[in-house]
């Protein structure tokens, strides 16, 4: 299976590359919810509402592969995993802000 990162490498247009990474229903919302800092899987799932655990895990894995999200595992019982934006992920926040402003004005 081709990953989002591999698909991006096949495309020359920067807008198309960005759309491949964040153009699905859930990814921009995940990035939005990670902007405040480290968040656990269950917290993300609750904040997103109707996302399935499988879909959330898939999107987080894709974001991690793309270098947008870091995953930190803690050696505790029960196991604890937290997700946070990387510098590359924080660089997406102005894009999401532009999307928010567009939505407020035009949708």
PDB file of N, CA and C in Angstrom:
ATOM      1  N   UNK A   1       0.831  -1.172   0.000  1.00  0.00           N
ATOM      2  CA  UNK A   1       0.000   0.000   0.000  1.00  0.00           C
ATOM      3  C   UNK A   1       0.883   1.244   0.000  1.00  0.00           C
ATOM      4  N   UNK A   2       0.529   2.223  -0.818  1.00  0.00           N
ATOM      5  CA  UNK A   2       1.288   3.463  -0.918  1.00  0.00           C
ATOM      6  C   UNK A   2       0.868   4.400   0.212  1.00  0.00           C
ATOM      7  N   UNK A   3       1.849   4.948   0.910  1.00  0.00           N
ATOM      8  CA  UNK A   3       1.552   5.869   2.012  1.00  0.00           C
ATOM      9  C   UNK A   3       1.316   7.276   1.464  1.00  0.00           C
ATOM     10  N   UNK A   4       0.755   8.136   2.301  1.00  0.00           N
ATOM     11  CA  UNK A   4       0.526   9.525   1.906  1.00  0.00           C
ATOM     12  C   UNK A   4       1.845  10.214   1.568  1.00  0.00           C
ATOM     13  N   UNK A   5       2.886   9.910   2.315  1.00  0.00           N
ATOM     14  CA  UNK A   5       4.197  10.509   2.054  1.00  0.00           C
ATOM     15  C   UNK A   5       4.699  10.083   0.682  1.00  0.00           C
ATOM     16  N   UNK A   6       4.538   8.807   0.333  1.00  0.00           N
ATOM     17  CA  UNK A   6       4.961   8.328  -0.988  1.00  0.00           C
ATOM     18  C   UNK A   6       4.142   8.978  -2.094  1.00  0.00           C
ATOM     19  N   UNK A   7       2.839   9.163  -1.867  1.00  0.00           N
ATOM     20  CA  UNK A   7       2.003   9.837  -2.868  1.00  0.00           C
ATOM     21  C   UNK A   7       2.470  11.269  -3.064  1.00  0.00           C
ATOM     22  N   UNK A   8       2.860  11.929  -1.989  1.00  0.00           N
ATOM     23  CA  UNK A   8       3.345  13.309  -2.091  1.00  0.00           C
ATOM     24  C   UNK A   8       4.601  13.389  -2.946  1.00  0.00           C
ATOM     25  N   UNK A   9       5.458  12.395  -2.819  1.00  0.00           N
ATOM     26  CA  UNK A   9       6.705  12.388  -3.581  1.00  0.00           C
ATOM     27  C   UNK A   9       6.451  12.252  -5.076  1.00  0.00           C
ATOM     28  N   UNK A  10       5.293  11.701  -5.461  1.00  0.00           N
ATOM     29  CA  UNK A  10       4.964  11.515  -6.869  1.00  0.00           C
ATOM     30  C   UNK A  10       4.363  12.772  -7.493  1.00  0.00           C
ATOM     31  N   UNK A  11       4.017  13.754  -6.693  1.00  0.00           N
ATOM     32  CA  UNK A  11       3.322  14.950  -7.155  1.00  0.00           C
ATOM     33  C   UNK A  11       4.268  16.138  -7.080  1.00  0.00           C
ATOM     34  N   UNK A  12       4.218  17.002  -8.103  1.00  0.00           N
ATOM     35  CA  UNK A  12       5.108  18.160  -8.136  1.00  0.00           C
ATOM     36  C   UNK A  12       4.500  19.394  -7.476  1.00  0.00           C
ATOM     37  N   UNK A  13       3.194  19.559  -7.548  1.00  0.00           N
ATOM     38  CA  UNK A  13       2.525  20.770  -7.067  1.00  0.00           C
ATOM     39  C   UNK A  13       2.461  20.796  -5.537  1.00  0.00           C
ATOM     40  N   UNK A  14       2.980  21.848  -4.891  1.00  0.00           N
ATOM     41  CA  UNK A  14       2.953  21.921  -3.427  1.00  0.00           C
ATOM     42  C   UNK A  14       1.532  21.928  -2.849  1.00  0.00           C
ATOM     43  N   UNK A  15       0.582  22.548  -3.554  1.00  0.00           N
ATOM     44  CA  UNK A  15      -0.801  22.551  -3.071  1.00  0.00           C
ATOM     45  C   UNK A  15      -1.358  21.137  -3.094  1.00  0.00           C
ATOM     46  N   UNK A  16      -1.097  20.405  -4.159  1.00  0.00           N
ATOM     47  CA  UNK A  16      -1.562  19.016  -4.253  1.00  0.00           C
ATOM     48  C   UNK A  16      -0.912  18.154  -3.173  1.00  0.00           C
ATOM     49  N   UNK A  17       0.365  18.380  -2.914  1.00  0.00           N
ATOM     50  CA  UNK A  17       1.053  17.619  -1.868  1.00  0.00           C
ATOM     51  C   UNK A  17       0.419  17.865  -0.502  1.00  0.00           C
ATOM     52  N   UNK A  18       0.118  19.125  -0.215  1.00  0.00           N
ATOM     53  CA  UNK A  18      -0.509  19.458   1.066  1.00  0.00           C
ATOM     54  C   UNK A  18      -1.896  18.846   1.156  1.00  0.00           C
ATOM     55  N   UNK A  19      -2.649  18.894   0.060  1.00  0.00           N
ATOM     56  CA  UNK A  19      -3.993  18.305   0.044  1.00  0.00           C
ATOM     57  C   UNK A  19      -3.944  16.801   0.284  1.00  0.00           C
ATOM     58  N   UNK A  20      -2.931  16.129  -0.231  1.00  0.00           N
ATOM     59  CA  UNK A  20      -2.786  14.689   0.012  1.00  0.00           C
ATOM     60  C   UNK A  20      -2.608  14.434   1.507  1.00  0.00           C
ATOM     61  N   UNK A  21      -1.816  15.273   2.171  1.00  0.00           N
ATOM     62  CA  UNK A  21      -1.544  15.062   3.597  1.00  0.00           C
ATOM     63  C   UNK A  21      -2.710  15.446   4.504  1.00  0.00           C
ATOM     64  N   UNK A  22      -3.393  16.546   4.203  1.00  0.00           N
ATOM     65  CA  UNK A  22      -4.417  17.027   5.137  1.00  0.00           C
ATOM     66  C   UNK A  22      -5.801  17.135   4.515  1.00  0.00           C
ATOM     67  N   UNK A  23      -5.997  16.572   3.335  1.00  0.00           N
ATOM     68  CA  UNK A  23      -7.238  16.783   2.609  1.00  0.00           C
ATOM     69  C   UNK A  23      -8.390  15.862   2.950  1.00  0.00           C
ATOM     70  N   UNK A  24      -8.259  14.992   3.922  1.00  0.00           N
ATOM     71  CA  UNK A  24      -9.397  14.138   4.272  1.00  0.00           C
ATOM     72  C   UNK A  24     -10.228  14.809   5.363  1.00  0.00           C
ATOM     73  N   UNK A  25     -11.301  14.171   5.753  1.00  0.00           N
ATOM     74  CA  UNK A  25     -12.241  14.756   6.716  1.00  0.00           C
ATOM     75  C   UNK A  25     -11.626  14.989   8.098  1.00  0.00           C
ATOM     76  N   UNK A  26     -10.802  14.074   8.570  1.00  0.00           N
ATOM     77  CA  UNK A  26     -10.382  14.093   9.972  1.00  0.00           C
ATOM     78  C   UNK A  26      -9.033  14.741  10.242  1.00  0.00           C
ATOM     79  N   UNK A  27      -8.111  14.689   9.306  1.00  0.00           N
ATOM     80  CA  UNK A  27      -6.740  15.130   9.574  1.00  0.00           C
ATOM     81  C   UNK A  27      -6.639  16.586  10.028  1.00  0.00           C
ATOM     82  N   UNK A  28      -7.305  17.534   9.366  1.00  0.00           N
ATOM     83  CA  UNK A  28      -7.207  18.911   9.872  1.00  0.00           C
ATOM     84  C   UNK A  28      -7.753  19.062  11.293  1.00  0.00           C
ATOM     85  N   UNK A  29      -8.778  18.291  11.624  1.00  0.00           N
ATOM     86  CA  UNK A  29      -9.359  18.371  12.965  1.00  0.00           C
ATOM     87  C   UNK A  29      -8.427  17.766  14.009  1.00  0.00           C
ATOM     88  N   UNK A  30      -7.707  16.719  13.638  1.00  0.00           N
ATOM     89  CA  UNK A  30      -6.724  16.125  14.545  1.00  0.00           C
ATOM     90  C   UNK A  30      -5.605  17.131  14.818  1.00  0.00           C
ATOM     91  N   UNK A  31      -5.090  17.748  13.754  1.00  0.00           N
ATOM     92  CA  UNK A  31      -4.031  18.753  13.920  1.00  0.00           C
ATOM     93  C   UNK A  31      -4.543  19.907  14.781  1.00  0.00           C
ATOM     94  N   UNK A  32      -5.773  20.354  14.531  1.00  0.00           N
ATOM     95  CA  UNK A  32      -6.376  21.421  15.347  1.00  0.00           C
ATOM     96  C   UNK A  32      -6.376  21.042  16.827  1.00  0.00           C
ATOM     97  N   UNK A  33      -6.779  19.807  17.122  1.00  0.00           N
ATOM     98  CA  UNK A  33      -6.898  19.383  18.515  1.00  0.00           C
ATOM     99  C   UNK A  33      -5.553  19.136  19.187  1.00  0.00           C
ATOM    100  N   UNK A  34      -4.503  18.989  18.401  1.00  0.00           N
ATOM    101  CA  UNK A  34      -3.162  18.791  18.964  1.00  0.00           C
ATOM    102  C   UNK A  34      -2.409  20.102  19.179  1.00  0.00           C
ATOM    103  N   UNK A  35      -2.972  21.214  18.748  1.00  0.00           N
ATOM    104  CA  UNK A  35      -2.229  22.476  18.837  1.00  0.00           C
ATOM    105  C   UNK A  35      -1.981  22.934  20.270  1.00  0.00           C
ATOM    106  N   UNK A  36      -2.783  22.484  21.218  1.00  0.00           N
ATOM    107  CA  UNK A  36      -2.615  22.917  22.608  1.00  0.00           C
ATOM    108  C   UNK A  36      -1.515  22.154  23.339  1.00  0.00           C
ATOM    109  N   UNK A  37      -1.049  21.043  22.768  1.00  0.00           N
ATOM    110  CA  UNK A  37      -0.008  20.261  23.429  1.00  0.00           C
ATOM    111  C   UNK A  37      -0.273  18.775  23.336  1.00  0.00           C
ATOM    112  N   UNK A  38       0.368  18.001  24.197  1.00  0.00           N
ATOM    113  CA  UNK A  38       0.247  16.544  24.178  1.00  0.00           C
ATOM    114  C   UNK A  38      -1.172  16.106  24.522  1.00  0.00           C
ATOM    115  N   UNK A  39      -1.668  15.149  23.739  1.00  0.00           N
ATOM    116  CA  UNK A  39      -3.028  14.639  23.926  1.00  0.00           C
ATOM    117  C   UNK A  39      -2.999  13.122  23.803  1.00  0.00           C
ATOM    118  N   UNK A  40      -3.762  12.459  24.643  1.00  0.00           N
ATOM    119  CA  UNK A  40      -3.871  11.002  24.590  1.00  0.00           C
ATOM    120  C   UNK A  40      -4.914  10.590  23.553  1.00  0.00           C
ATOM    121  N   UNK A  41      -4.807   9.344  23.090  1.00  0.00           N
ATOM    122  CA  UNK A  41      -5.686   8.813  22.053  1.00  0.00           C
ATOM    123  C   UNK A  41      -7.155   8.983  22.437  1.00  0.00           C
ATOM    124  N   UNK A  42      -7.511   8.573  23.646  1.00  0.00           N
ATOM    125  CA  UNK A  42      -8.903   8.651  24.089  1.00  0.00           C
ATOM    126  C   UNK A  42      -9.430  10.076  24.130  1.00  0.00           C
ATOM    127  N   UNK A  43      -8.568  11.021  24.513  1.00  0.00           N
ATOM    128  CA  UNK A  43      -8.968  12.431  24.536  1.00  0.00           C
ATOM    129  C   UNK A  43      -9.253  12.931  23.125  1.00  0.00           C
ATOM    130  N   UNK A  44      -8.386  12.537  22.188  1.00  0.00           N
ATOM    131  CA  UNK A  44      -8.619  12.912  20.793  1.00  0.00           C
ATOM    132  C   UNK A  44      -9.928  12.325  20.287  1.00  0.00           C
ATOM    133  N   UNK A  45     -10.146  11.062  20.575  1.00  0.00           N
ATOM    134  CA  UNK A  45     -11.360  10.411  20.093  1.00  0.00           C
ATOM    135  C   UNK A  45     -12.605  11.099  20.657  1.00  0.00           C
ATOM    136  N   UNK A  46     -12.591  11.446  21.919  1.00  0.00           N
ATOM    137  CA  UNK A  46     -13.740  12.139  22.525  1.00  0.00           C
ATOM    138  C   UNK A  46     -13.952  13.517  21.901  1.00  0.00           C
ATOM    139  N   UNK A  47     -12.873  14.247  21.671  1.00  0.00           N
ATOM    140  CA  UNK A  47     -13.017  15.603  21.131  1.00  0.00           C
ATOM    141  C   UNK A  47     -13.505  15.589  19.686  1.00  0.00           C
ATOM    142  N   UNK A  48     -13.199  14.517  18.956  1.00  0.00           N
ATOM    143  CA  UNK A  48     -13.605  14.425  17.552  1.00  0.00           C
ATOM    144  C   UNK A  48     -14.995  13.825  17.379  1.00  0.00           C
ATOM    145  N   UNK A  49     -15.518  13.219  18.411  1.00  0.00           N
ATOM    146  CA  UNK A  49     -16.893  12.720  18.355  1.00  0.00           C
ATOM    147  C   UNK A  49     -17.062  11.408  17.627  1.00  0.00           C
ATOM    148  N   UNK A  50     -17.444  11.465  16.362  1.00  0.00           N
ATOM    149  CA  UNK A  50     -17.869  10.257  15.649  1.00  0.00           C
ATOM    150  C   UNK A  50     -16.756   9.515  14.915  1.00  0.00           C
ATOM    151  N   UNK A  51     -15.501   9.860  15.135  1.00  0.00           N
ATOM    152  CA  UNK A  51     -14.409   9.142  14.468  1.00  0.00           C
ATOM    153  C   UNK A  51     -14.246   7.761  15.103  1.00  0.00           C
ATOM    154  N   UNK A  52     -14.036   6.752  14.264  1.00  0.00           N
ATOM    155  CA  UNK A  52     -13.820   5.403  14.791  1.00  0.00           C
ATOM    156  C   UNK A  52     -12.378   5.271  15.283  1.00  0.00           C
ATOM    157  N   UNK A  53     -12.132   4.376  16.236  1.00  0.00           N
ATOM    158  CA  UNK A  53     -10.753   4.175  16.709  1.00  0.00           C
ATOM    159  C   UNK A  53      -9.809   3.775  15.576  1.00  0.00           C
ATOM    160  N   UNK A  54     -10.297   2.961  14.649  1.00  0.00           N
ATOM    161  CA  UNK A  54      -9.465   2.519  13.521  1.00  0.00           C
ATOM    162  C   UNK A  54      -9.065   3.708  12.641  1.00  0.00           C
ATOM    163  N   UNK A  55     -10.020   4.568  12.341  1.00  0.00           N
ATOM    164  CA  UNK A  55      -9.732   5.738  11.511  1.00  0.00           C
ATOM    165  C   UNK A  55      -8.773   6.684  12.224  1.00  0.00           C
ATOM    166  N   UNK A  56      -8.995   6.926  13.500  1.00  0.00           N
ATOM    167  CA  UNK A  56      -8.103   7.807  14.259  1.00  0.00           C
ATOM    168  C   UNK A  56      -6.688   7.245  14.288  1.00  0.00           C
ATOM    169  N   UNK A  57      -6.551   5.957  14.547  1.00  0.00           N
ATOM    170  CA  UNK A  57      -5.225   5.328  14.574  1.00  0.00           C
ATOM    171  C   UNK A  57      -4.545   5.448  13.215  1.00  0.00           C
ATOM    172  N   UNK A  58      -5.308   5.252  12.139  1.00  0.00           N
ATOM    173  CA  UNK A  58      -4.759   5.361  10.786  1.00  0.00           C
ATOM    174  C   UNK A  58      -4.282   6.785  10.503  1.00  0.00           C
ATOM    175  N   UNK A  59      -5.091   7.776  10.837  1.00  0.00           N
ATOM    176  CA  UNK A  59      -4.712   9.171  10.581  1.00  0.00           C
ATOM    177  C   UNK A  59      -3.495   9.571  11.418  1.00  0.00           C
ATOM    178  N   UNK A  60      -3.462   9.151  12.660  1.00  0.00           N
ATOM    179  CA  UNK A  60      -2.303   9.463  13.500  1.00  0.00           C
ATOM    180  C   UNK A  60      -1.038   8.807  12.958  1.00  0.00           C
ATOM    181  N   UNK A  61      -1.155   7.580  12.482  1.00  0.00           N
ATOM    182  CA  UNK A  61      -0.003   6.882  11.902  1.00  0.00           C
ATOM    183  C   UNK A  61       0.497   7.633  10.660  1.00  0.00           C
ATOM    184  N   UNK A  62      -0.429   8.074   9.803  1.00  0.00           N
ATOM    185  CA  UNK A  62      -0.044   8.828   8.604  1.00  0.00           C
ATOM    186  C   UNK A  62       0.631  10.145   8.967  1.00  0.00           C
ATOM    187  N   UNK A  63       0.097  10.834   9.958  1.00  0.00           N
ATOM    188  CA  UNK A  63       0.699  12.092  10.390  1.00  0.00           C
ATOM    189  C   UNK A  63       2.083  11.873  10.994  1.00  0.00           C
ATOM    190  N   UNK A  64       2.245  10.775  11.692  1.00  0.00           N
ATOM    191  CA  UNK A  64       3.560  10.437  12.254  1.00  0.00           C
ATOM    192  C   UNK A  64       4.554  10.133  11.134  1.00  0.00           C
ATOM    193  N   UNK A  65       4.130   9.355  10.140  1.00  0.00           N
ATOM    194  CA  UNK A  65       5.001   9.035   8.999  1.00  0.00           C
ATOM    195  C   UNK A  65       5.414  10.289   8.239  1.00  0.00           C
ATOM    196  N   UNK A  66       4.529  11.275   8.192  1.00  0.00           N
ATOM    197  CA  UNK A  66       4.808  12.517   7.473  1.00  0.00           C
ATOM    198  C   UNK A  66       5.638  13.497   8.299  1.00  0.00           C
ATOM    199  N   UNK A  67       5.902  13.165   9.564  1.00  0.00           N
ATOM    200  CA  UNK A  67       6.690  14.048  10.415  1.00  0.00           C
ATOM    201  C   UNK A  67       5.897  15.205  10.995  1.00  0.00           C
ATOM    202  N   UNK A  68       4.566  15.098  10.996  1.00  0.00           N
ATOM    203  CA  UNK A  68       3.703  16.157  11.503  1.00  0.00           C
ATOM    204  C   UNK A  68       3.381  15.941  12.979  1.00  0.00           C
ATOM    205  N   UNK A  69       3.358  14.688  13.390  1.00  0.00           N
ATOM    206  CA  UNK A  69       3.005  14.318  14.764  1.00  0.00           C
ATOM    207  C   UNK A  69       4.088  13.421  15.345  1.00  0.00           C
ATOM    208  N   UNK A  70       4.403  13.636  16.610  1.00  0.00           N
ATOM    209  CA  UNK A  70       5.271  12.727  17.371  1.00  0.00           C
ATOM    210  C   UNK A  70       4.397  11.888  18.289  1.00  0.00           C
ATOM    211  N   UNK A  71       4.764  10.633  18.430  1.00  0.00           N
ATOM    212  CA  UNK A  71       4.066   9.701  19.321  1.00  0.00           C
ATOM    213  C   UNK A  71       5.033   9.336  20.436  1.00  0.00           C
ATOM    214  N   UNK A  72       4.610   9.551  21.678  1.00  0.00           N
ATOM    215  CA  UNK A  72       5.451   9.233  22.828  1.00  0.00           C
ATOM    216  C   UNK A  72       4.777   8.146  23.648  1.00  0.00           C
ATOM    217  N   UNK A  73       5.489   7.024  23.831  1.00  0.00           N
ATOM    218  CA  UNK A  73       4.987   5.903  24.632  1.00  0.00           C
ATOM    219  C   UNK A  73       5.683   5.936  25.986  1.00  0.00           C
ATOM    220  N   UNK A  74       4.895   5.789  27.052  1.00  0.00           N
ATOM    221  CA  UNK A  74       5.432   5.772  28.404  1.00  0.00           C
ATOM    222  C   UNK A  74       5.349   4.354  28.956  1.00  0.00           C
ATOM    223  N   UNK A  75       6.415   3.914  29.615  1.00  0.00           N
ATOM    224  CA  UNK A  75       6.471   2.565  30.184  1.00  0.00           C
ATOM    225  C   UNK A  75       5.734   2.556  31.515  1.00  0.00           C
ATOM    226  N   UNK A  76       4.425   2.585  31.433  1.00  0.00           N
ATOM    227  CA  UNK A  76       3.576   2.583  32.623  1.00  0.00           C
ATOM    228  C   UNK A  76       2.533   1.485  32.476  1.00  0.00           C
ATOM    229  N   UNK A  77       1.900   1.172  33.568  1.00  0.00           N
ATOM    230  CA  UNK A  77       0.768   0.241  33.532  1.00  0.00           C
ATOM    231  C   UNK A  77      -0.444   0.961  34.084  1.00  0.00           C
ATOM    232  N   UNK A  78      -1.494   1.122  33.332  1.00  0.00           N
ATOM    233  CA  UNK A  78      -1.623   0.713  31.931  1.00  0.00           C
ATOM    234  C   UNK A  78      -0.757   1.600  31.031  1.00  0.00           C
ATOM    235  N   UNK A  79      -0.440   1.101  29.831  1.00  0.00           N
ATOM    236  CA  UNK A  79       0.399   1.871  28.911  1.00  0.00           C
ATOM    237  C   UNK A  79      -0.238   3.228  28.595  1.00  0.00           C
ATOM    238  N   UNK A  80       0.623   4.222  28.447  1.00  0.00           N
ATOM    239  CA  UNK A  80       0.157   5.568  28.112  1.00  0.00           C
ATOM    240  C   UNK A  80       0.885   6.024  26.861  1.00  0.00           C
ATOM    241  N   UNK A  81       0.114   6.534  25.898  1.00  0.00           N
ATOM    242  CA  UNK A  81       0.669   7.062  24.652  1.00  0.00           C
ATOM    243  C   UNK A  81       0.118   8.466  24.464  1.00  0.00           C
ATOM    244  N   UNK A  82       0.994   9.395  24.150  1.00  0.00           N
ATOM    245  CA  UNK A  82       0.576  10.770  23.892  1.00  0.00           C
ATOM    246  C   UNK A  82       1.067  11.206  22.520  1.00  0.00           C
ATOM    247  N   UNK A  83       0.300  12.082  21.914  1.00  0.00           N
ATOM    248  CA  UNK A  83       0.609  12.616  20.591  1.00  0.00           C
ATOM    249  C   UNK A  83       0.765  14.120  20.702  1.00  0.00           C
ATOM    250  N   UNK A  84       1.741  14.661  19.966  1.00  0.00           N
ATOM    251  CA  UNK A  84       1.947  16.100  19.937  1.00  0.00           C
ATOM    252  C   UNK A  84       2.463  16.503  18.564  1.00  0.00           C
ATOM    253  N   UNK A  85       2.236  17.767  18.218  1.00  0.00           N
ATOM    254  CA  UNK A  85       2.702  18.277  16.938  1.00  0.00           C
ATOM    255  C   UNK A  85       4.209  18.488  16.966  1.00  0.00           C
ATOM    256  N   UNK A  86       4.845  18.207  15.855  1.00  0.00           N
ATOM    257  CA  UNK A  86       6.255  18.542  15.655  1.00  0.00           C
ATOM    258  C   UNK A  86       6.325  19.990  15.164  1.00  0.00           C
ATOM    259  N   UNK A  87       7.523  20.488  14.921  1.00  0.00           N
ATOM    260  CA  UNK A  87       7.660  21.822  14.321  1.00  0.00           C
ATOM    261  C   UNK A  87       6.961  21.860  12.965  1.00  0.00           C
ATOM    262  N   UNK A  88       7.099  20.790  12.210  1.00  0.00           N
ATOM    263  CA  UNK A  88       6.428  20.691  10.910  1.00  0.00           C
ATOM    264  C   UNK A  88       4.910  20.739  11.090  1.00  0.00           C
ATOM    265  N   UNK A  89       4.411  20.119  12.136  1.00  0.00           N
ATOM    266  CA  UNK A  89       2.982  20.152  12.426  1.00  0.00           C
ATOM    267  C   UNK A  89       2.519  21.535  12.831  1.00  0.00           C
ATOM    268  N   UNK A  90       3.309  22.210  13.665  1.00  0.00           N
ATOM    269  CA  UNK A  90       2.960  23.581  14.066  1.00  0.00           C
ATOM    270  C   UNK A  90       2.942  24.519  12.863  1.00  0.00           C
ATOM    271  N   UNK A  91       3.765  24.236  11.855  1.00  0.00           N
ATOM    272  CA  UNK A  91       3.785  25.068  10.644  1.00  0.00           C
ATOM    273  C   UNK A  91       2.474  24.964   9.860  1.00  0.00           C
ATOM    274  N   UNK A  92       1.682  23.926  10.114  1.00  0.00           N
ATOM    275  CA  UNK A  92       0.376  23.781   9.452  1.00  0.00           C
ATOM    276  C   UNK A  92      -0.706  24.654  10.091  1.00  0.00           C
ATOM    277  N   UNK A  93      -0.500  25.124  11.291  1.00  0.00           N
ATOM    278  CA  UNK A  93      -1.545  25.858  12.005  1.00  0.00           C
ATOM    279  C   UNK A  93      -2.017  27.116  11.276  1.00  0.00           C
ATOM    280  N   UNK A  94      -1.133  27.901  10.645  1.00  0.00           N
ATOM    281  CA  UNK A  94      -1.641  29.043   9.869  1.00  0.00           C
ATOM    282  C   UNK A  94      -2.526  28.615   8.692  1.00  0.00           C
ATOM    283  N   UNK A  95      -2.245  27.467   8.110  1.00  0.00           N
ATOM    284  CA  UNK A  95      -3.090  26.940   7.028  1.00  0.00           C
ATOM    285  C   UNK A  95      -4.483  26.643   7.572  1.00  0.00           C
ATOM    286  N   UNK A  96      -4.547  26.003   8.738  1.00  0.00           N
ATOM    287  CA  UNK A  96      -5.843  25.700   9.349  1.00  0.00           C
ATOM    288  C   UNK A  96      -6.570  26.980   9.748  1.00  0.00           C
ATOM    289  N   UNK A  97      -5.840  27.974  10.206  1.00  0.00           N
ATOM    290  CA  UNK A  97      -6.460  29.255  10.548  1.00  0.00           C
ATOM    291  C   UNK A  97      -7.068  29.898   9.305  1.00  0.00           C
ATOM    292  N   UNK A  98      -6.376  29.809   8.180  1.00  0.00           N
ATOM    293  CA  UNK A  98      -6.931  30.325   6.923  1.00  0.00           C
ATOM    294  C   UNK A  98      -8.198  29.571   6.537  1.00  0.00           C
ATOM    295  N   UNK A  99      -8.209  28.263   6.750  1.00  0.00           N
ATOM    296  CA  UNK A  99      -9.407  27.468   6.470  1.00  0.00           C
ATOM    297  C   UNK A  99     -10.560  27.904   7.372  1.00  0.00           C
ATOM    298  N   UNK A 100     -10.256  28.169   8.644  1.00  0.00           N
ATOM    299  CA  UNK A 100     -11.289  28.614   9.583  1.00  0.00           C
ATOM    300  C   UNK A 100     -11.882  29.945   9.144  1.00  0.00           C
ATOM    301  N   UNK A 101     -11.028  30.883   8.782  1.00  0.00           N
ATOM    302  CA  UNK A 101     -11.499  32.197   8.354  1.00  0.00           C
ATOM    303  C   UNK A 101     -12.329  32.103   7.079  1.00  0.00           C
ATOM    304  N   UNK A 102     -11.895  31.284   6.154  1.00  0.00           N
ATOM    305  CA  UNK A 102     -12.663  31.075   4.921  1.00  0.00           C
ATOM    306  C   UNK A 102     -14.042  30.500   5.253  1.00  0.00           C
ATOM    307  N   UNK A 103     -14.071  29.494   6.112  1.00  0.00           N
ATOM    308  CA  UNK A 103     -15.337  28.874   6.497  1.00  0.00           C
ATOM    309  C   UNK A 103     -16.280  29.848   7.180  1.00  0.00           C
ATOM    310  N   UNK A 104     -15.740  30.694   8.049  1.00  0.00           N
ATOM    311  CA  UNK A 104     -16.578  31.688   8.721  1.00  0.00           C
ATOM    312  C   UNK A 104     -17.171  32.691   7.739  1.00  0.00           C
ATOM    313  N   UNK A 105     -16.388  33.048   6.746  1.00  0.00           N
ATOM    314  CA  UNK A 105     -16.849  34.078   5.809  1.00  0.00           C
ATOM    315  C   UNK A 105     -17.729  33.528   4.699  1.00  0.00           C
ATOM    316  N   UNK A 106     -17.396  32.365   4.163  1.00  0.00           N
ATOM    317  CA  UNK A 106     -18.032  31.912   2.936  1.00  0.00           C
ATOM    318  C   UNK A 106     -18.929  30.685   3.078  1.00  0.00           C
ATOM    319  N   UNK A 107     -18.857  29.977   4.170  1.00  0.00           N
ATOM    320  CA  UNK A 107     -19.656  28.743   4.275  1.00  0.00           C
ATOM    321  C   UNK A 107     -20.743  28.856   5.330  1.00  0.00           C
TER     322      UNK A 107
END
